[in-house]
Amino acid sequence: MAKDDVEMKDAKDDGKKDDDATVEEPPAPPDLLVAIEKNVVLIEKAVETSQTRLMMRALRNNGPIRKKADAEVLGRAVRKLLGNGGAATQALVAAALAAVGAPAAAPAAAMDVDGDGAPPPPPKDALPEVEIYVLTLCVSTLVRGRDFAGGAALSALLIPRLRAVQALRRALDPLSAKVYFYFALCHEKLGKFDDVRAQLFAAHRTAVLQHHEFSAAVLLNGLLRGMLEANLVEAALKLVSKTTFPETASNNQFCRYLYYTGRIQAIQLDYSDAFTKLMQSSRKAPANTALGFRLQVTKLTLLVQLLMGEIPDRSAFDGGGMRGELEPYLKLTQAVRRGDLLAYNKVVADYGAKFARDKTASLVRRLSQNVVKTGLRRINVSYSRISLEDVKTKLHLDSVRSAEFVCAKAIKDGVIDAVIDHDNACVKSKDVADIYSTIEPQKAFHRRVVFCLDVHNEAVKAMQYPPDAHKPKKALEDGEEAKDDEKQTDEELAKEIEEELGDEM
């Protein structure tokens, strides 16, 4: 009996150990195919009810799928959801399967059967929205794998199919914006943006005429990005002046538009407006995601601030995850603050390749004049009278004549308040005037007031209210759907911004 008890106890202990082992096992990963099918259900409902918000919800849920999808999952999704389409659909299916590297037909062992052993009924014809969604998922996977040639080819096949149904289907607008985004991005990465620029212009014109605001915003940003990458600044400036950014576009597209317009204005020497646009873009960008985009905005903002004659705060270089990337710009700022031309030249020589990769080399070269002006301002404050020879030595200029020209230009521009004594070859500084006796404080205060009012107006425009809030409630089901939409958290919105900004940067 004792032996039996011992055996029973051991069996219980073994069972307990097995249960513990079962509990400690990590949870199984979610089925991506099921997640894709759930998004397809949302898309079908969006088409049935003509509600764009359901399409946006499906695209928000698409982030984890895009990061984990592989050739096997995409092949199963394409064959299951699009396997019974017409000839045009089958051609797209074959191209998608070949692009992602999935087999053209499903293995016989992997086919599902019913309980009586009969094969399942053939799937119904997929909606155009479902077809474009699944194939866009293939394009995004190719872009994640840096296969831009495959992504460009597949997205080019999708665009004719998109045009055939886009005019009659309002819910397709967010999805078509995705297609055009990947189409422009892939051709830009391949260096073939000039080949598709006319096509993108035509698509933007059509989107504006049909009031497809998501597609219009994406196409406008894609055109601006491609033109700036090709150094077509004049053409980009003309495009900005002739177009209007859609007011109802998403926040991430507006961030991108502000960055591009700020970059154009910085190149065009309009530093004040460029700084305002870049600061707005920086404030609207997510704080914890889209690191690449925030880096680009921060670098350009720092250079514009230096070109305006201001020195950025040290805290601007200590952003999370950006300290190493901003080190060249910190050294550049230190050289400008000291007015040390030798230190500036050393920074440009050491980090010239990095500035060229960041597309900021032209702005960095303009800073040489600011370095000289800063040095002259320090000399003007420190000395009431100084010879041009000493100015040449302190500023590390080539000759006394160059020092004379630099001082004359600084006096004319109002950088320093002094006169040049040509007979004695020296510079005489005038008494420092009290700035508070001028209208400069009033101008500075006015600029701050205007900036605060602009921020307030942008915040009011960005406010969103539930649709039909002034009308009585409809059915209970519609009310619950509206509540589900209102439960979108800040984390989900940040993931959406990270998804699109991360692909581009």
Protein backbone atom coordinates (compact mmCIF):
# COMPACT_ATOMS: atom_id res chain seq x y z
CA MET A 1 0.00 0.00 0.00
CA ALA A 2 2.82 2.30 0.86
CA LYS A 3 4.47 1.44 -2.40
CA ASP A 4 1.28 2.24 -4.28
CA ASP A 5 1.01 5.54 -2.46
CA VAL A 6 4.56 6.37 -3.38
CA GLU A 7 3.89 5.51 -7.00
CA MET A 8 0.71 7.61 -7.03
CA LYS A 9 2.58 10.50 -5.44
CA ASP A 10 5.30 10.22 -8.05
CA ALA A 11 2.71 10.16 -10.76
CA LYS A 12 1.09 13.29 -9.33
CA ASP A 13 4.47 14.96 -9.11
CA ASP A 14 5.20 14.01 -12.71
CA GLY A 15 1.85 15.39 -13.76
CA LYS A 16 2.53 18.57 -11.85
CA LYS A 17 5.93 18.87 -13.53
CA ASP A 18 4.31 18.35 -16.91
CA ASP A 19 1.75 21.03 -16.13
CA ASP A 20 4.49 23.42 -15.03
CA ALA A 21 6.41 22.70 -18.20
CA THR A 22 3.30 23.38 -20.23
CA VAL A 23 2.75 26.69 -18.46
CA GLU A 24 6.36 27.80 -18.96
CA GLU A 25 6.27 27.22 -22.71
CA PRO A 26 6.16 30.47 -24.70
CA PRO A 27 2.87 31.21 -26.40
CA ALA A 28 2.53 30.25 -30.02
CA PRO A 29 2.91 33.08 -32.52
CA PRO A 30 -0.32 34.43 -33.96
CA ASP A 31 -1.48 33.03 -37.28
CA LEU A 32 -0.70 35.70 -39.83
CA LEU A 33 -3.10 34.20 -42.34
CA VAL A 34 -5.97 34.61 -39.85
CA ALA A 35 -4.94 38.23 -39.26
CA ILE A 36 -4.91 38.86 -43.02
CA GLU A 37 -8.39 37.35 -43.32
CA LYS A 38 -9.67 39.60 -40.54
CA ASN A 39 -8.38 42.62 -42.42
CA VAL A 40 -10.08 41.33 -45.55
CA VAL A 41 -13.38 41.17 -43.65
CA LEU A 42 -12.91 44.81 -42.59
CA ILE A 43 -12.15 45.82 -46.18
CA GLU A 44 -15.25 44.03 -47.50
CA LYS A 45 -17.37 45.76 -44.88
CA ALA A 46 -15.80 49.12 -45.79
CA VAL A 47 -16.76 48.58 -49.44
CA GLU A 48 -20.28 47.46 -48.51
CA THR A 49 -20.97 50.46 -46.25
CA SER A 50 -18.73 52.98 -48.10
CA GLN A 51 -16.94 53.85 -44.85
CA THR A 52 -13.32 54.90 -45.26
CA ARG A 53 -12.66 54.57 -41.53
CA LEU A 54 -12.96 50.77 -41.75
CA MET A 55 -10.35 50.73 -44.51
CA MET A 56 -8.09 52.88 -42.31
CA ARG A 57 -8.57 50.45 -39.43
CA ALA A 58 -7.53 47.54 -41.65
CA LEU A 59 -4.39 49.42 -42.71
CA ARG A 60 -3.56 50.21 -39.08
CA ASN A 61 -3.83 46.52 -38.22
CA ASN A 62 -1.47 45.74 -41.09
CA GLY A 63 1.74 46.82 -39.32
CA PRO A 64 2.55 43.55 -37.47
CA ILE A 65 1.62 41.54 -40.57
CA ARG A 66 4.04 43.45 -42.78
CA LYS A 67 6.93 42.90 -40.36
CA LYS A 68 6.41 39.14 -39.97
CA ALA A 69 5.01 38.00 -43.33
CA ASP A 70 7.23 35.72 -45.42
CA ALA A 71 6.96 34.00 -48.79
CA GLU A 72 5.05 31.00 -47.42
CA VAL A 73 2.40 33.10 -45.64
CA LEU A 74 1.98 35.44 -48.60
CA GLY A 75 1.73 32.53 -51.01
CA ARG A 76 -1.02 30.92 -48.94
CA ALA A 77 -2.88 34.22 -48.63
CA VAL A 78 -2.68 34.95 -52.36
CA ARG A 79 -3.81 31.47 -53.38
CA LYS A 80 -6.63 31.33 -50.82
CA LEU A 81 -8.04 34.83 -51.29
CA LEU A 82 -7.36 35.44 -54.99
CA GLY A 83 -7.27 31.93 -56.42
CA ASN A 84 -10.63 32.10 -58.20
CA GLY A 85 -10.36 35.43 -60.04
CA GLY A 86 -10.45 36.21 -63.73
CA ALA A 87 -7.63 36.25 -66.23
CA ALA A 88 -6.36 39.68 -65.13
CA THR A 89 -6.37 38.61 -61.48
CA GLN A 90 -4.58 35.36 -62.26
CA ALA A 91 -1.86 37.27 -64.10
CA LEU A 92 -1.34 39.48 -61.06
CA VAL A 93 -1.37 36.44 -58.77
CA ALA A 94 1.30 34.71 -60.83
CA ALA A 95 3.45 37.87 -60.82
CA ALA A 96 3.05 38.29 -57.05
CA LEU A 97 3.93 34.66 -56.30
CA ALA A 98 7.00 34.88 -58.52
CA ALA A 99 8.09 38.16 -56.94
CA VAL A 100 7.93 36.93 -53.33
CA GLY A 101 9.38 33.52 -54.21
CA ALA A 102 6.30 31.44 -53.31
CA PRO A 103 5.37 28.27 -55.25
CA ALA A 104 2.82 28.76 -57.99
CA ALA A 105 0.47 26.06 -56.67
CA ALA A 106 -0.29 24.81 -53.18
CA PRO A 107 1.07 21.35 -52.22
CA ALA A 108 -1.51 18.59 -52.26
CA ALA A 109 -0.89 17.67 -48.62
CA ALA A 110 -1.53 21.21 -47.50
CA MET A 111 -5.04 21.41 -49.01
CA ASP A 112 -7.88 21.49 -46.51
CA VAL A 113 -10.66 18.94 -46.79
CA ASP A 114 -14.08 18.68 -45.24
CA GLY A 115 -15.07 16.07 -42.73
CA ASP A 116 -16.27 13.68 -45.44
CA GLY A 117 -12.99 13.88 -47.35
CA ALA A 118 -14.32 16.16 -50.12
CA PRO A 119 -12.31 19.21 -51.16
CA PRO A 120 -13.61 22.59 -50.00
CA PRO A 121 -15.79 24.63 -52.36
CA PRO A 122 -13.94 27.08 -54.61
CA PRO A 123 -13.62 30.59 -53.14
CA LYS A 124 -15.76 33.37 -54.46
CA ASP A 125 -14.38 36.15 -56.63
CA ALA A 126 -12.42 38.63 -54.54
CA LEU A 127 -13.31 42.30 -54.50
CA PRO A 128 -10.85 44.65 -56.24
CA GLU A 129 -10.04 46.19 -52.84
CA VAL A 130 -9.14 42.78 -51.41
CA GLU A 131 -7.07 41.98 -54.46
CA ILE A 132 -5.13 45.26 -54.23
CA TYR A 133 -4.69 44.89 -50.44
CA VAL A 134 -3.16 41.40 -50.67
CA LEU A 135 -0.85 42.35 -53.52
CA THR A 136 0.15 45.59 -51.76
CA LEU A 137 1.16 43.41 -48.80
CA CYS A 138 3.47 41.53 -51.19
CA VAL A 139 4.96 44.84 -52.39
CA SER A 140 5.59 46.05 -48.84
CA THR A 141 7.33 42.75 -48.01
CA LEU A 142 9.60 43.17 -51.02
CA VAL A 143 10.45 46.72 -49.91
CA ARG A 144 11.28 45.45 -46.41
CA GLY A 145 13.65 42.96 -48.02
CA ARG A 146 15.28 45.75 -50.09
CA ASP A 147 14.05 44.14 -53.32
CA PHE A 148 13.13 47.44 -54.94
CA ALA A 149 13.19 46.03 -58.47
CA GLY A 150 10.55 43.44 -57.61
CA GLY A 151 8.50 46.01 -55.70
CA ALA A 152 8.61 48.45 -58.63
CA ALA A 153 7.54 45.79 -61.13
CA LEU A 154 4.64 44.52 -59.00
CA SER A 155 3.38 47.99 -58.06
CA ALA A 156 3.51 49.00 -61.74
CA LEU A 157 1.19 46.06 -62.51
CA LEU A 158 -1.18 47.17 -59.75
CA ILE A 159 -1.66 50.75 -60.94
CA PRO A 160 -3.73 49.95 -64.10
CA ARG A 161 -5.97 47.71 -62.01
CA LEU A 162 -6.25 50.53 -59.46
CA ARG A 163 -7.26 53.12 -62.05
CA ALA A 164 -10.00 50.87 -63.42
CA VAL A 165 -11.96 50.90 -60.16
CA GLN A 166 -10.70 53.93 -58.23
CA ALA A 167 -13.13 56.48 -59.67
CA LEU A 168 -16.18 54.47 -58.53
CA ARG A 169 -14.99 53.37 -55.08
CA ARG A 170 -14.37 56.00 -52.42
CA ALA A 171 -13.19 53.48 -49.80
CA LEU A 172 -10.23 52.54 -52.02
CA ASP A 173 -8.50 55.91 -51.54
CA PRO A 174 -6.31 54.99 -48.50
CA LEU A 175 -5.25 51.75 -50.18
CA SER A 176 -4.42 53.45 -53.47
CA ALA A 177 -2.27 55.93 -51.52
CA LYS A 178 -0.22 52.96 -50.28
CA VAL A 179 0.25 51.65 -53.81
CA TYR A 180 1.45 55.01 -55.12
CA PHE A 181 3.74 55.44 -52.11
CA TYR A 182 5.57 52.16 -52.78
CA PHE A 183 5.56 52.78 -56.53
CA ALA A 184 7.34 56.15 -56.13
CA LEU A 185 9.67 54.89 -53.39
CA CYS A 186 10.87 51.84 -55.34
CA HIS A 187 11.60 53.82 -58.50
CA GLU A 188 13.42 56.47 -56.50
CA LYS A 189 15.62 53.86 -54.81
CA LEU A 190 16.41 52.38 -58.23
CA GLY A 191 17.36 55.81 -59.61
CA LYS A 192 14.50 55.72 -62.15
CA PHE A 193 12.29 58.43 -60.72
CA ASP A 194 12.54 60.51 -63.89
CA ASP A 195 10.88 57.68 -65.82
CA VAL A 196 7.71 57.78 -63.68
CA ARG A 197 7.51 61.49 -62.81
CA ALA A 198 4.99 62.24 -65.57
CA GLN A 199 2.89 59.28 -64.47
CA LEU A 200 2.86 60.52 -60.88
CA PHE A 201 1.89 64.03 -62.01
CA ALA A 202 -1.04 62.60 -63.95
CA ALA A 203 -2.11 60.49 -60.98
CA HIS A 204 -1.92 63.55 -58.67
CA ARG A 205 -4.04 65.60 -61.06
CA THR A 206 -6.65 62.83 -61.20
CA ALA A 207 -6.67 62.43 -57.41
CA VAL A 208 -7.22 66.16 -56.92
CA LEU A 209 -10.05 66.28 -59.46
CA GLN A 210 -11.75 63.26 -57.89
CA HIS A 211 -11.21 64.58 -54.34
CA HIS A 212 -9.14 61.56 -53.31
CA GLU A 213 -7.29 63.41 -50.59
CA PHE A 214 -5.21 60.52 -49.22
CA SER A 215 -3.78 59.75 -52.65
CA ALA A 216 -3.27 63.45 -53.45
CA ALA A 217 -1.24 64.00 -50.27
CA VAL A 218 0.93 60.92 -50.82
CA LEU A 219 1.55 61.74 -54.48
CA LEU A 220 2.45 65.36 -53.68
CA ASN A 221 4.97 64.26 -51.06
CA GLY A 222 6.36 61.61 -53.39
CA LEU A 223 6.89 64.17 -56.14
CA LEU A 224 8.57 66.63 -53.78
CA ARG A 225 10.86 63.94 -52.39
CA GLY A 226 11.89 62.74 -55.84
CA MET A 227 12.58 66.27 -57.07
CA LEU A 228 14.68 67.14 -54.03
CA GLU A 229 16.67 63.93 -54.38
CA ALA A 230 17.38 64.92 -58.01
CA ASN A 231 18.26 68.52 -56.94
CA LEU A 232 15.35 69.97 -58.91
CA VAL A 233 14.73 72.67 -56.32
CA GLU A 234 13.19 75.20 -58.71
CA ALA A 235 10.70 72.64 -60.01
CA ALA A 236 9.82 71.59 -56.45
CA LEU A 237 9.28 75.24 -55.44
CA LYS A 238 6.99 75.79 -58.42
CA LEU A 239 5.03 72.63 -57.53
CA VAL A 240 4.53 73.85 -53.95
CA SER A 241 3.38 77.26 -55.15
CA LYS A 242 0.86 75.77 -57.61
CA THR A 243 -0.68 73.12 -55.33
CA THR A 244 -2.51 73.00 -52.03
CA PHE A 245 -1.97 70.29 -49.47
CA PRO A 246 -5.24 68.52 -48.50
CA GLU A 247 -6.51 69.64 -45.11
CA THR A 248 -7.92 66.22 -44.17
CA ALA A 249 -4.72 64.30 -44.89
CA SER A 250 -3.11 62.24 -42.15
CA ASN A 251 -0.69 63.73 -39.64
CA ASN A 252 2.30 61.76 -40.91
CA GLN A 253 1.80 63.04 -44.46
CA PHE A 254 1.53 66.60 -43.17
CA CYS A 255 4.79 66.13 -41.19
CA ARG A 256 6.50 65.02 -44.37
CA TYR A 257 5.08 67.93 -46.37
CA LEU A 258 6.30 70.44 -43.77
CA TYR A 259 9.78 68.91 -43.90
CA TYR A 260 9.99 69.10 -47.69
CA THR A 261 8.71 72.68 -47.87
CA GLY A 262 11.11 73.70 -45.09
CA ARG A 263 13.99 72.10 -46.96
CA ILE A 264 13.05 73.96 -50.16
CA GLN A 265 12.84 77.29 -48.35
CA ALA A 266 16.20 76.69 -46.66
CA ILE A 267 17.86 76.14 -50.02
CA GLN A 268 16.14 79.29 -51.31
CA LEU A 269 17.66 81.34 -48.43
CA ASP A 270 14.28 81.88 -46.77
CA TYR A 271 15.56 80.78 -43.37
CA SER A 272 12.82 82.25 -41.15
CA ASP A 273 9.94 80.45 -42.89
CA ALA A 274 12.05 77.30 -43.24
CA PHE A 275 12.75 77.27 -39.49
CA THR A 276 9.04 77.67 -38.71
CA LYS A 277 8.07 74.78 -41.02
CA LEU A 278 10.78 72.51 -39.67
CA MET A 279 9.84 73.21 -36.05
CA GLN A 280 6.21 72.39 -36.82
CA SER A 281 7.27 69.16 -38.48
CA SER A 282 9.43 68.26 -35.49
CA ARG A 283 6.59 68.89 -33.05
CA LYS A 284 4.07 66.89 -35.08
CA ALA A 285 6.40 63.92 -35.57
CA PRO A 286 6.13 61.02 -33.07
CA ALA A 287 8.38 61.34 -30.03
CA ASN A 288 9.37 57.67 -29.63
CA THR A 289 9.24 56.26 -33.17
CA ALA A 290 10.32 57.16 -36.73
CA LEU A 291 13.89 57.87 -35.61
CA GLY A 292 15.22 58.29 -39.15
CA PHE A 293 12.70 60.98 -40.01
CA ARG A 294 13.28 62.86 -36.75
CA LEU A 295 17.03 62.77 -37.39
CA GLN A 296 16.63 64.35 -40.83
CA VAL A 297 14.37 67.08 -39.47
CA THR A 298 16.68 67.80 -36.52
CA LYS A 299 19.81 68.07 -38.69
CA LEU A 300 18.17 70.50 -41.07
CA THR A 301 16.66 72.53 -38.22
CA LEU A 302 20.05 72.93 -36.54
CA LEU A 303 21.69 74.15 -39.75
CA VAL A 304 18.89 76.61 -40.49
CA GLN A 305 19.12 77.97 -36.95
CA LEU A 306 22.86 78.49 -37.37
CA LEU A 307 22.34 80.22 -40.70
CA MET A 308 19.87 82.56 -39.01
CA GLY A 309 22.68 83.63 -36.64
CA GLU A 310 21.31 81.76 -33.61
CA ILE A 311 23.10 79.12 -31.55
CA PRO A 312 20.98 76.02 -30.76
CA ASP A 313 20.63 74.84 -27.18
CA ARG A 314 22.80 71.96 -26.05
CA SER A 315 19.68 69.90 -25.29
CA ALA A 316 18.89 69.79 -29.02
CA PHE A 317 21.85 67.42 -29.52
CA ASP A 318 20.96 65.04 -26.68
CA GLY A 319 17.77 63.49 -28.11
CA GLY A 320 17.16 59.83 -27.46
CA GLY A 321 19.18 57.71 -29.89
CA MET A 322 20.43 60.74 -31.87
CA ARG A 323 23.56 61.83 -29.97
CA GLY A 324 25.99 59.86 -32.13
CA GLU A 325 24.42 60.96 -35.39
CA LEU A 326 24.39 64.61 -34.32
CA GLU A 327 28.01 64.73 -33.18
CA PRO A 328 29.30 66.37 -36.43
CA TYR A 329 26.61 69.04 -36.12
CA LEU A 330 27.57 69.64 -32.48
CA LYS A 331 31.20 70.24 -33.47
CA LEU A 332 30.02 72.49 -36.27
CA THR A 333 27.92 74.49 -33.83
CA GLN A 334 30.86 74.85 -31.45
CA ALA A 335 33.06 76.17 -34.27
CA VAL A 336 30.41 78.70 -35.30
CA ARG A 337 29.84 79.82 -31.71
CA ARG A 338 33.55 80.49 -31.21
CA GLY A 339 33.99 82.04 -34.65
CA ASP A 340 36.94 79.69 -35.24
CA LEU A 341 37.45 79.29 -38.98
CA LEU A 342 40.18 76.65 -38.55
CA ALA A 343 37.90 74.45 -36.41
CA TYR A 344 35.11 74.91 -38.96
CA ASN A 345 37.36 73.85 -41.84
CA LYS A 346 38.51 70.81 -39.86
CA VAL A 347 34.93 69.71 -39.19
CA VAL A 348 34.01 70.11 -42.87
CA ALA A 349 37.08 68.10 -43.91
CA ASP A 350 36.47 65.31 -41.38
CA TYR A 351 32.72 64.92 -41.91
CA GLY A 352 32.31 66.06 -45.50
CA ALA A 353 31.17 62.62 -46.67
CA LYS A 354 28.53 62.46 -43.93
CA PHE A 355 27.20 65.92 -44.80
CA ALA A 356 26.98 64.83 -48.44
CA ARG A 357 24.97 61.72 -47.46
CA ASP A 358 22.64 63.88 -45.37
CA LYS A 359 22.09 66.26 -48.33
CA THR A 360 23.21 69.18 -46.16
CA ALA A 361 26.66 69.89 -47.65
CA SER A 362 25.50 73.04 -49.48
CA LEU A 363 24.04 74.52 -46.27
CA VAL A 364 27.19 73.63 -44.33
CA ARG A 365 29.34 75.49 -46.85
CA ARG A 366 27.22 78.60 -46.36
CA LEU A 367 28.14 78.62 -42.67
CA SER A 368 31.67 79.82 -43.40
CA GLN A 369 30.36 83.39 -43.66
CA ASN A 370 28.57 82.99 -40.32
CA VAL A 371 31.80 81.81 -38.70
CA VAL A 372 33.60 84.92 -39.94
CA LYS A 373 30.74 87.19 -38.82
CA THR A 374 30.71 85.62 -35.36
CA GLY A 375 34.45 86.12 -35.04
CA LEU A 376 34.12 89.74 -36.14
CA ARG A 377 31.34 90.33 -33.63
CA ARG A 378 33.51 88.98 -30.80
CA ILE A 379 36.39 91.21 -31.93
CA ASN A 380 34.10 94.22 -32.13
CA VAL A 381 32.94 93.67 -28.54
CA SER A 382 36.44 93.03 -27.20
CA TYR A 383 38.43 95.82 -28.95
CA SER A 384 37.61 99.47 -29.49
CA ARG A 385 40.37 99.64 -32.08
CA ILE A 386 42.24 96.82 -33.84
CA SER A 387 44.49 96.68 -36.89
CA LEU A 388 43.46 94.81 -40.02
CA GLU A 389 46.59 92.68 -39.66
CA ASP A 390 45.37 91.42 -36.29
CA VAL A 391 41.89 90.82 -37.72
CA LYS A 392 43.46 88.68 -40.44
CA THR A 393 45.43 86.72 -37.84
CA LYS A 394 42.51 86.14 -35.48
CA LEU A 395 40.08 85.12 -38.23
CA HIS A 396 42.70 83.06 -40.13
CA LEU A 397 42.08 84.91 -43.39
CA ASP A 398 44.35 84.86 -46.41
CA SER A 399 45.45 88.52 -46.55
CA VAL A 400 44.91 91.97 -45.07
CA ARG A 401 42.90 92.92 -48.13
CA SER A 402 40.52 90.02 -47.49
CA ALA A 403 40.15 91.16 -43.88
CA GLU A 404 39.30 94.66 -45.09
CA PHE A 405 36.65 93.35 -47.47
CA VAL A 406 35.14 91.14 -44.77
CA CYS A 407 34.96 94.01 -42.30
CA ALA A 408 33.38 96.32 -44.88
CA LYS A 409 30.74 93.70 -45.72
CA ALA A 410 29.98 93.12 -42.02
CA ILE A 411 29.59 96.86 -41.41
CA LYS A 412 27.27 97.21 -44.42
CA ASP A 413 25.11 94.27 -43.27
CA GLY A 414 24.88 95.65 -39.75
CA VAL A 415 26.77 92.76 -38.17
CA ILE A 416 29.16 95.11 -36.38
CA ASP A 417 28.92 98.82 -35.59
CA ALA A 418 32.33 100.15 -36.58
CA VAL A 419 34.26 102.18 -39.16
CA ILE A 420 37.38 101.34 -41.14
CA ASP A 421 40.33 103.73 -40.95
CA HIS A 422 42.01 103.09 -44.29
CA ASP A 423 44.92 105.44 -43.60
CA ASN A 424 45.96 103.64 -40.42
CA ALA A 425 44.70 100.18 -41.62
CA CYS A 426 42.55 99.59 -38.56
CA VAL A 427 38.94 99.08 -37.50
CA LYS A 428 37.40 101.40 -34.88
CA SER A 429 34.39 100.12 -32.97
CA LYS A 430 31.59 102.45 -31.97
CA ASP A 431 29.99 102.50 -28.55
CA VAL A 432 27.66 99.57 -27.94
CA ALA A 433 24.08 100.82 -28.12
CA ASP A 434 21.43 99.73 -25.67
CA ILE A 435 19.29 97.27 -27.62
CA TYR A 436 16.32 97.93 -25.35
CA SER A 437 16.21 101.48 -26.64
CA THR A 438 15.46 100.14 -30.14
CA ILE A 439 12.45 98.27 -31.53
CA GLU A 440 14.25 94.91 -31.61
CA PRO A 441 12.54 93.61 -28.41
CA GLN A 442 9.19 94.54 -29.92
CA LYS A 443 10.01 92.62 -33.10
CA ALA A 444 11.11 89.56 -31.14
CA PHE A 445 7.95 89.64 -29.05
CA HIS A 446 5.83 89.98 -32.19
CA ARG A 447 7.50 86.93 -33.75
CA ARG A 448 6.76 84.85 -30.67
CA VAL A 449 3.13 85.97 -30.58
CA VAL A 450 2.68 85.09 -34.26
CA PHE A 451 4.26 81.67 -33.69
CA CYS A 452 1.95 80.92 -30.73
CA LEU A 453 -1.10 81.95 -32.74
CA ASP A 454 -0.02 79.69 -35.60
CA VAL A 455 0.37 76.76 -33.21
CA HIS A 456 -3.11 77.45 -31.80
CA ASN A 457 -4.67 77.62 -35.26
CA GLU A 458 -2.99 74.38 -36.34
CA ALA A 459 -4.25 72.66 -33.18
CA VAL A 460 -7.81 73.81 -33.83
CA LYS A 461 -7.64 72.59 -37.43
CA ALA A 462 -6.31 69.21 -36.29
CA MET A 463 -9.20 68.61 -33.89
CA GLN A 464 -11.51 65.81 -34.97
CA TYR A 465 -15.07 65.18 -33.88
CA PRO A 466 -17.17 62.01 -34.22
CA PRO A 467 -19.15 61.90 -37.46
CA ASP A 468 -22.82 62.94 -37.14
CA ALA A 469 -22.29 64.03 -33.53
CA HIS A 470 -25.15 66.51 -33.81
CA LYS A 471 -27.59 63.85 -35.04
CA PRO A 472 -29.53 61.37 -32.86
CA LYS A 473 -27.98 57.95 -32.34
CA LYS A 474 -28.79 55.30 -34.88
CA ALA A 475 -28.95 51.60 -34.17
CA LEU A 476 -27.06 50.05 -31.27
CA GLU A 477 -24.67 48.28 -33.62
CA ASP A 478 -23.63 51.54 -35.27
CA GLY A 479 -23.07 53.08 -31.85
CA GLU A 480 -20.81 50.20 -30.81
CA GLU A 481 -18.83 50.51 -34.04
CA ALA A 482 -18.32 54.19 -33.38
CA LYS A 483 -17.13 53.39 -29.85
CA ASP A 484 -14.66 50.87 -31.26
CA ASP A 485 -13.24 53.55 -33.51
CA GLU A 486 -12.91 55.97 -30.61
CA LYS A 487 -10.86 53.40 -28.67
CA GLN A 488 -7.85 53.89 -30.92
CA THR A 489 -4.94 54.49 -28.59
CA ASP A 490 -1.96 56.80 -29.06
CA GLU A 491 0.24 53.74 -29.44
CA GLU A 492 -1.71 52.56 -32.50
CA LEU A 493 -1.48 55.98 -34.11
CA ALA A 494 2.25 56.11 -33.39
CA LYS A 495 2.67 52.70 -35.02
CA GLU A 496 0.89 53.95 -38.11
CA ILE A 497 3.22 56.95 -38.35
CA GLU A 498 6.27 54.77 -37.74
CA GLU A 499 5.15 52.39 -40.47
CA GLU A 500 5.04 55.00 -43.22
CA LEU A 501 7.88 57.26 -42.06
CA GLY A 502 10.11 54.25 -41.40
CA ASP A 503 9.68 52.92 -44.93
CA GLU A 504 10.73 56.20 -46.44
CA MET A 505 13.70 56.95 -44.16
